[in-house]
């Protein structure tokens, strides 16, 4: 409700249809532009104040590891997705599994920069983390 315009991009048309349905239910469909396409190919054409990344985690096998590596355990290279997104904006929110390697994310922030992790709980169970970069921290 705080955004004037959201651009939702997914390569999977079914996921976009689900997102459209949810947007309609919550009365925000007029604020969202839905694009069916490959995010990595669209990056050079995009302009935004904030990028929210929620790439696929690769199925439930992530639960069987102590530290989730975004470079090697995702179907897509999570480091590449982040670095390419920085071409759009420094303000990135990254939705990741609860066991994500926080040292790896600190390295993505770069020398002298920081990131902030917010935990997402469902029924008192830590499900995921949203890691904030750029001006999104301490907001």
N, C-alpha and C. Protein backbone atom coordinates (compact mmCIF):
# COMPACT_ATOMS: atom_id res chain seq x y z
N UNK A 1 0.81 -1.20 0.00
CA UNK A 1 0.00 0.00 0.00
C UNK A 1 0.86 1.27 0.00
N UNK A 2 2.16 1.14 0.21
CA UNK A 2 3.02 2.32 0.27
C UNK A 2 3.64 2.68 -1.08
N UNK A 3 3.42 1.87 -2.08
CA UNK A 3 4.05 2.10 -3.39
C UNK A 3 3.02 2.61 -4.39
N UNK A 4 3.46 3.52 -5.25
CA UNK A 4 2.60 4.01 -6.32
C UNK A 4 2.54 3.02 -7.47
N UNK A 5 3.68 2.36 -7.73
CA UNK A 5 3.75 1.39 -8.81
C UNK A 5 4.71 0.27 -8.44
N UNK A 6 4.29 -0.94 -8.65
CA UNK A 6 5.11 -2.13 -8.47
C UNK A 6 5.18 -2.84 -9.81
N UNK A 7 6.38 -3.28 -10.17
CA UNK A 7 6.55 -4.07 -11.38
C UNK A 7 6.87 -5.50 -10.92
N UNK A 8 6.02 -6.42 -11.27
CA UNK A 8 6.20 -7.82 -10.90
C UNK A 8 6.64 -8.59 -12.14
N UNK A 9 7.80 -9.23 -12.04
CA UNK A 9 8.36 -9.95 -13.18
C UNK A 9 8.55 -11.41 -12.79
N UNK A 10 8.10 -12.29 -13.66
CA UNK A 10 8.35 -13.72 -13.45
C UNK A 10 8.40 -14.40 -14.80
N UNK A 11 9.24 -15.41 -14.88
CA UNK A 11 9.36 -16.18 -16.11
C UNK A 11 8.25 -17.22 -16.22
N UNK A 12 7.57 -17.49 -15.09
CA UNK A 12 6.52 -18.50 -15.01
C UNK A 12 5.15 -17.81 -15.06
N UNK A 13 4.43 -18.00 -16.15
CA UNK A 13 3.13 -17.35 -16.33
C UNK A 13 2.13 -17.76 -15.25
N UNK A 14 2.20 -18.98 -14.78
CA UNK A 14 1.28 -19.44 -13.73
C UNK A 14 1.49 -18.64 -12.45
N UNK A 15 2.74 -18.39 -12.10
CA UNK A 15 3.02 -17.59 -10.89
C UNK A 15 2.52 -16.16 -11.06
N UNK A 16 2.63 -15.62 -12.26
CA UNK A 16 2.10 -14.28 -12.50
C UNK A 16 0.58 -14.26 -12.36
N UNK A 17 -0.09 -15.30 -12.84
CA UNK A 17 -1.54 -15.37 -12.70
C UNK A 17 -1.94 -15.42 -11.22
N UNK A 18 -1.20 -16.18 -10.43
CA UNK A 18 -1.47 -16.23 -8.98
C UNK A 18 -1.25 -14.86 -8.35
N UNK A 19 -0.19 -14.17 -8.76
CA UNK A 19 0.09 -12.83 -8.23
C UNK A 19 -1.02 -11.86 -8.63
N UNK A 20 -1.50 -11.94 -9.86
CA UNK A 20 -2.61 -11.08 -10.31
C UNK A 20 -3.86 -11.33 -9.46
N UNK A 21 -4.13 -12.60 -9.21
CA UNK A 21 -5.28 -12.96 -8.41
C UNK A 21 -5.15 -12.38 -6.99
N UNK A 22 -3.99 -12.53 -6.38
CA UNK A 22 -3.77 -11.99 -5.03
C UNK A 22 -3.90 -10.47 -5.03
N UNK A 23 -3.36 -9.82 -6.05
CA UNK A 23 -3.45 -8.36 -6.13
C UNK A 23 -4.91 -7.92 -6.23
N UNK A 24 -5.70 -8.66 -6.97
CA UNK A 24 -7.12 -8.33 -7.10
C UNK A 24 -7.83 -8.51 -5.76
N UNK A 25 -7.53 -9.60 -5.07
CA UNK A 25 -8.15 -9.86 -3.76
C UNK A 25 -7.85 -8.72 -2.78
N UNK A 26 -6.61 -8.22 -2.81
CA UNK A 26 -6.21 -7.17 -1.86
C UNK A 26 -6.44 -5.76 -2.40
N UNK A 27 -7.02 -5.65 -3.59
CA UNK A 27 -7.39 -4.35 -4.12
C UNK A 27 -6.23 -3.47 -4.55
N UNK A 28 -5.14 -4.08 -5.00
CA UNK A 28 -3.97 -3.30 -5.41
C UNK A 28 -3.56 -3.56 -6.87
N UNK A 29 -4.41 -4.25 -7.62
CA UNK A 29 -4.03 -4.62 -8.98
C UNK A 29 -3.77 -3.40 -9.87
N UNK A 30 -4.38 -2.27 -9.55
CA UNK A 30 -4.17 -1.07 -10.35
C UNK A 30 -2.79 -0.44 -10.11
N UNK A 31 -2.07 -0.91 -9.11
CA UNK A 31 -0.73 -0.40 -8.79
C UNK A 31 0.40 -1.32 -9.26
N UNK A 32 0.03 -2.41 -9.90
CA UNK A 32 1.04 -3.41 -10.27
C UNK A 32 1.03 -3.64 -11.78
N UNK A 33 2.22 -3.58 -12.35
CA UNK A 33 2.40 -3.95 -13.76
C UNK A 33 3.02 -5.35 -13.76
N UNK A 34 2.36 -6.30 -14.39
CA UNK A 34 2.83 -7.68 -14.43
C UNK A 34 3.54 -7.92 -15.75
N UNK A 35 4.76 -8.42 -15.67
CA UNK A 35 5.55 -8.68 -16.87
C UNK A 35 5.99 -10.14 -16.88
N UNK A 36 5.63 -10.82 -17.96
CA UNK A 36 6.07 -12.20 -18.15
C UNK A 36 7.40 -12.15 -18.90
N UNK A 37 8.48 -12.54 -18.23
CA UNK A 37 9.77 -12.49 -18.89
C UNK A 37 10.90 -12.90 -17.98
N UNK A 38 12.09 -12.92 -18.54
CA UNK A 38 13.31 -13.29 -17.83
C UNK A 38 13.89 -12.03 -17.19
N UNK A 39 13.86 -11.97 -15.88
CA UNK A 39 14.32 -10.80 -15.13
C UNK A 39 15.74 -10.40 -15.52
N UNK A 40 16.63 -11.38 -15.62
CA UNK A 40 18.03 -11.06 -15.93
C UNK A 40 18.18 -10.41 -17.31
N UNK A 41 17.32 -10.76 -18.24
CA UNK A 41 17.37 -10.14 -19.57
C UNK A 41 16.71 -8.76 -19.58
N UNK A 42 15.78 -8.53 -18.67
CA UNK A 42 15.06 -7.26 -18.62
C UNK A 42 15.80 -6.18 -17.83
N UNK A 43 16.76 -6.55 -17.00
CA UNK A 43 17.45 -5.60 -16.13
C UNK A 43 17.91 -4.34 -16.84
N UNK A 44 18.54 -4.41 -18.02
CA UNK A 44 19.01 -3.17 -18.66
C UNK A 44 17.90 -2.16 -18.97
N UNK A 45 16.66 -2.62 -19.03
CA UNK A 45 15.54 -1.75 -19.36
C UNK A 45 14.79 -1.23 -18.13
N UNK A 46 15.17 -1.70 -16.94
CA UNK A 46 14.40 -1.39 -15.74
C UNK A 46 14.96 -0.20 -14.97
N UNK A 47 14.05 0.56 -14.39
CA UNK A 47 14.39 1.64 -13.47
C UNK A 47 13.48 1.48 -12.26
N UNK A 48 14.06 1.56 -11.06
CA UNK A 48 13.26 1.39 -9.85
C UNK A 48 13.98 2.01 -8.66
N UNK A 49 13.19 2.35 -7.65
CA UNK A 49 13.76 2.84 -6.39
C UNK A 49 14.21 1.68 -5.52
N UNK A 50 13.48 0.56 -5.60
CA UNK A 50 13.73 -0.61 -4.77
C UNK A 50 13.52 -1.86 -5.62
N UNK A 51 14.35 -2.87 -5.39
CA UNK A 51 14.15 -4.18 -6.01
C UNK A 51 13.93 -5.19 -4.89
N UNK A 52 12.85 -5.96 -4.99
CA UNK A 52 12.57 -7.06 -4.06
C UNK A 52 12.84 -8.35 -4.81
N UNK A 53 13.85 -9.09 -4.36
CA UNK A 53 14.22 -10.35 -5.00
C UNK A 53 13.66 -11.53 -4.21
N UNK A 54 13.01 -12.44 -4.90
CA UNK A 54 12.51 -13.66 -4.28
C UNK A 54 12.70 -14.81 -5.27
N UNK A 55 13.97 -15.18 -5.50
CA UNK A 55 14.23 -16.27 -6.46
C UNK A 55 13.87 -17.63 -5.86
N UNK A 56 13.69 -18.62 -6.72
CA UNK A 56 13.40 -19.98 -6.21
C UNK A 56 14.58 -20.50 -5.39
N UNK A 57 14.26 -21.19 -4.31
CA UNK A 57 15.30 -21.73 -3.41
C UNK A 57 15.76 -23.12 -3.83
N UNK A 58 15.10 -23.74 -4.75
CA UNK A 58 15.54 -25.05 -5.20
C UNK A 58 14.85 -26.21 -4.50
N UNK A 59 13.69 -25.99 -3.94
CA UNK A 59 12.95 -27.07 -3.29
C UNK A 59 13.31 -27.21 -1.83
N UNK A 60 12.67 -28.15 -1.14
CA UNK A 60 12.83 -28.28 0.32
C UNK A 60 14.19 -28.83 0.76
N UNK A 61 15.05 -29.21 -0.16
CA UNK A 61 16.36 -29.76 0.24
C UNK A 61 17.21 -28.74 0.99
N UNK A 62 16.88 -27.43 0.86
CA UNK A 62 17.64 -26.41 1.57
C UNK A 62 17.57 -26.62 3.08
N UNK A 63 16.54 -27.29 3.56
CA UNK A 63 16.38 -27.51 4.99
C UNK A 63 17.42 -28.47 5.55
N UNK A 64 18.02 -29.28 4.68
CA UNK A 64 18.97 -30.31 5.14
C UNK A 64 20.40 -29.82 5.24
N UNK A 65 20.61 -28.54 5.09
CA UNK A 65 21.97 -28.02 5.15
C UNK A 65 22.07 -26.97 6.25
N UNK A 66 23.25 -26.87 6.85
CA UNK A 66 23.44 -25.90 7.93
C UNK A 66 23.43 -24.48 7.38
N UNK A 67 24.14 -24.25 6.27
CA UNK A 67 24.20 -22.93 5.67
C UNK A 67 23.83 -23.02 4.19
N UNK A 68 22.86 -22.22 3.82
CA UNK A 68 22.38 -22.18 2.43
C UNK A 68 23.26 -21.22 1.64
N UNK A 69 23.87 -21.72 0.57
CA UNK A 69 24.76 -20.95 -0.28
C UNK A 69 23.97 -20.43 -1.48
N UNK A 70 23.82 -19.10 -1.58
CA UNK A 70 22.99 -18.55 -2.66
C UNK A 70 23.64 -18.68 -4.03
N UNK A 71 24.93 -18.91 -4.06
CA UNK A 71 25.61 -19.05 -5.35
C UNK A 71 25.43 -20.45 -5.93
N UNK A 72 25.49 -21.47 -5.09
CA UNK A 72 25.50 -22.84 -5.61
C UNK A 72 24.22 -23.64 -5.34
N UNK A 73 23.38 -23.22 -4.39
CA UNK A 73 22.23 -24.04 -4.02
C UNK A 73 20.93 -23.60 -4.69
N UNK A 74 20.91 -22.43 -5.29
CA UNK A 74 19.72 -21.97 -6.02
C UNK A 74 19.77 -22.48 -7.45
N UNK A 75 18.62 -22.65 -8.06
CA UNK A 75 18.63 -23.01 -9.48
C UNK A 75 19.33 -21.94 -10.33
N UNK A 76 19.26 -20.68 -9.87
CA UNK A 76 19.97 -19.57 -10.51
C UNK A 76 21.07 -19.12 -9.56
N UNK A 77 22.11 -18.49 -10.06
CA UNK A 77 23.18 -17.99 -9.22
C UNK A 77 22.68 -16.76 -8.46
N UNK A 78 22.45 -16.91 -7.15
CA UNK A 78 21.90 -15.83 -6.33
C UNK A 78 22.82 -14.63 -6.20
N UNK A 79 24.13 -14.85 -6.27
CA UNK A 79 25.06 -13.72 -6.25
C UNK A 79 24.93 -12.91 -7.53
N UNK A 80 24.81 -13.59 -8.66
CA UNK A 80 24.67 -12.91 -9.95
C UNK A 80 23.38 -12.10 -9.98
N UNK A 81 22.29 -12.68 -9.50
CA UNK A 81 21.01 -11.97 -9.47
C UNK A 81 21.16 -10.68 -8.66
N UNK A 82 21.83 -10.77 -7.52
CA UNK A 82 22.03 -9.59 -6.68
C UNK A 82 22.89 -8.54 -7.39
N UNK A 83 24.03 -8.96 -7.91
CA UNK A 83 24.94 -8.01 -8.56
C UNK A 83 24.29 -7.33 -9.77
N UNK A 84 23.54 -8.08 -10.53
CA UNK A 84 22.84 -7.50 -11.68
C UNK A 84 21.76 -6.52 -11.20
N UNK A 85 21.09 -6.83 -10.11
CA UNK A 85 20.05 -5.95 -9.58
C UNK A 85 20.64 -4.63 -9.10
N UNK A 86 21.89 -4.64 -8.66
CA UNK A 86 22.54 -3.40 -8.22
C UNK A 86 22.72 -2.42 -9.38
N UNK A 87 22.59 -2.89 -10.61
CA UNK A 87 22.63 -2.00 -11.77
C UNK A 87 21.36 -1.15 -11.83
N UNK A 88 20.30 -1.60 -11.16
CA UNK A 88 19.04 -0.88 -11.11
C UNK A 88 19.04 0.08 -9.92
N UNK A 89 19.41 -0.42 -8.75
CA UNK A 89 19.39 0.36 -7.52
C UNK A 89 20.24 -0.32 -6.45
N UNK A 90 20.71 0.46 -5.48
CA UNK A 90 21.42 -0.10 -4.34
C UNK A 90 20.43 -0.60 -3.28
N UNK A 91 19.17 -0.23 -3.42
CA UNK A 91 18.13 -0.56 -2.44
C UNK A 91 17.47 -1.89 -2.81
N UNK A 92 17.97 -2.95 -2.18
CA UNK A 92 17.51 -4.30 -2.52
C UNK A 92 17.03 -5.01 -1.25
N UNK A 93 15.87 -5.64 -1.35
CA UNK A 93 15.36 -6.53 -0.31
C UNK A 93 15.42 -7.93 -0.90
N UNK A 94 16.07 -8.84 -0.20
CA UNK A 94 16.33 -10.19 -0.72
C UNK A 94 15.67 -11.21 0.20
N UNK A 95 14.64 -11.90 -0.30
CA UNK A 95 13.89 -12.91 0.46
C UNK A 95 14.58 -14.26 0.30
N UNK A 96 15.08 -14.81 1.43
CA UNK A 96 15.92 -16.00 1.38
C UNK A 96 15.56 -16.98 2.48
N UNK A 97 16.04 -18.23 2.38
CA UNK A 97 15.76 -19.22 3.43
C UNK A 97 16.37 -18.80 4.76
N UNK A 98 15.81 -19.31 5.83
CA UNK A 98 16.26 -18.95 7.19
C UNK A 98 17.71 -19.32 7.45
N UNK A 99 18.23 -20.33 6.75
CA UNK A 99 19.59 -20.80 6.99
C UNK A 99 20.59 -20.23 5.98
N UNK A 100 20.24 -19.11 5.36
CA UNK A 100 21.14 -18.48 4.40
C UNK A 100 22.45 -18.11 5.10
N UNK A 101 23.53 -18.20 4.37
CA UNK A 101 24.86 -17.86 4.90
C UNK A 101 24.97 -16.34 5.01
N UNK A 102 24.84 -15.81 6.22
CA UNK A 102 24.85 -14.36 6.43
C UNK A 102 26.21 -13.75 6.10
N UNK A 103 27.30 -14.50 6.26
CA UNK A 103 28.62 -13.98 5.87
C UNK A 103 28.66 -13.71 4.37
N UNK A 104 28.05 -14.59 3.60
CA UNK A 104 28.00 -14.43 2.15
C UNK A 104 27.23 -13.15 1.79
N UNK A 105 26.16 -12.87 2.50
CA UNK A 105 25.38 -11.67 2.22
C UNK A 105 26.14 -10.42 2.65
N UNK A 106 26.89 -10.50 3.73
CA UNK A 106 27.74 -9.38 4.13
C UNK A 106 28.77 -9.06 3.07
N UNK A 107 29.30 -10.10 2.44
CA UNK A 107 30.25 -9.89 1.34
C UNK A 107 29.58 -9.21 0.15
N UNK A 108 28.32 -9.53 -0.10
CA UNK A 108 27.59 -8.88 -1.19
C UNK A 108 27.43 -7.39 -0.92
N UNK A 109 27.27 -7.02 0.34
CA UNK A 109 27.11 -5.61 0.69
C UNK A 109 28.34 -4.82 0.30
N UNK A 110 29.49 -5.46 0.34
CA UNK A 110 30.73 -4.81 -0.07
C UNK A 110 31.47 -4.15 1.07
N UNK A 111 32.72 -3.79 0.85
CA UNK A 111 33.55 -3.18 1.89
C UNK A 111 32.91 -1.89 2.42
N UNK A 112 32.85 -1.79 3.72
CA UNK A 112 32.31 -0.59 4.35
C UNK A 112 30.80 -0.49 4.34
N UNK A 113 30.13 -1.43 3.70
CA UNK A 113 28.67 -1.42 3.65
C UNK A 113 28.12 -2.50 4.57
N UNK A 114 26.86 -2.40 4.88
CA UNK A 114 26.22 -3.36 5.76
C UNK A 114 24.92 -3.84 5.13
N UNK A 115 24.35 -4.86 5.74
CA UNK A 115 23.01 -5.30 5.39
C UNK A 115 22.29 -5.61 6.69
N UNK A 116 20.99 -5.61 6.63
CA UNK A 116 20.16 -5.86 7.80
C UNK A 116 19.25 -7.05 7.51
N UNK A 117 19.17 -7.97 8.46
CA UNK A 117 18.34 -9.15 8.28
C UNK A 117 17.10 -9.05 9.16
N UNK A 118 15.94 -9.29 8.56
CA UNK A 118 14.69 -9.35 9.31
C UNK A 118 14.15 -10.77 9.19
N UNK A 119 13.81 -11.36 10.32
CA UNK A 119 13.32 -12.73 10.35
C UNK A 119 11.82 -12.78 10.08
N UNK A 120 11.41 -13.78 9.31
CA UNK A 120 10.01 -14.00 8.99
C UNK A 120 9.56 -15.28 9.71
N UNK A 121 8.61 -15.12 10.61
CA UNK A 121 8.09 -16.26 11.37
C UNK A 121 6.68 -16.59 10.91
N UNK A 122 6.40 -17.89 10.84
CA UNK A 122 5.05 -18.38 10.59
C UNK A 122 4.74 -19.36 11.70
N UNK A 123 3.70 -19.05 12.50
CA UNK A 123 3.33 -19.89 13.65
C UNK A 123 4.53 -20.16 14.56
N UNK A 124 5.24 -19.12 14.93
CA UNK A 124 6.40 -19.18 15.82
C UNK A 124 7.56 -20.01 15.27
N UNK A 125 7.58 -20.23 13.97
CA UNK A 125 8.64 -20.99 13.32
C UNK A 125 9.37 -20.07 12.35
N UNK A 126 10.69 -19.98 12.50
CA UNK A 126 11.48 -19.14 11.59
C UNK A 126 11.46 -19.77 10.20
N UNK A 127 10.83 -19.08 9.26
CA UNK A 127 10.66 -19.59 7.90
C UNK A 127 11.72 -19.04 6.95
N UNK A 128 11.96 -17.73 7.04
CA UNK A 128 12.81 -17.08 6.05
C UNK A 128 13.42 -15.81 6.64
N UNK A 129 14.26 -15.18 5.83
CA UNK A 129 14.84 -13.88 6.19
C UNK A 129 14.66 -12.94 4.99
N UNK A 130 14.43 -11.70 5.30
CA UNK A 130 14.49 -10.66 4.28
C UNK A 130 15.72 -9.83 4.63
N UNK A 131 16.67 -9.81 3.72
CA UNK A 131 17.92 -9.11 3.94
C UNK A 131 17.86 -7.80 3.17
N UNK A 132 18.09 -6.70 3.89
CA UNK A 132 17.94 -5.36 3.33
C UNK A 132 19.30 -4.73 3.06
N UNK A 133 19.42 -4.12 1.89
CA UNK A 133 20.65 -3.46 1.47
C UNK A 133 20.33 -2.00 1.11
N UNK A 134 21.36 -1.16 1.13
CA UNK A 134 21.19 0.23 0.74
C UNK A 134 20.42 1.01 1.79
N UNK A 135 19.56 1.92 1.32
CA UNK A 135 18.82 2.79 2.21
C UNK A 135 17.62 2.11 2.87
N UNK A 136 17.39 0.84 2.61
CA UNK A 136 16.27 0.13 3.21
C UNK A 136 16.54 -0.24 4.66
N UNK A 137 17.78 -0.22 5.07
CA UNK A 137 18.14 -0.59 6.43
C UNK A 137 17.65 0.45 7.43
N UNK A 138 17.24 -0.04 8.61
CA UNK A 138 16.81 0.82 9.71
C UNK A 138 15.68 1.76 9.33
N UNK A 139 14.81 1.31 8.43
CA UNK A 139 13.69 2.17 8.00
C UNK A 139 12.53 1.99 8.94
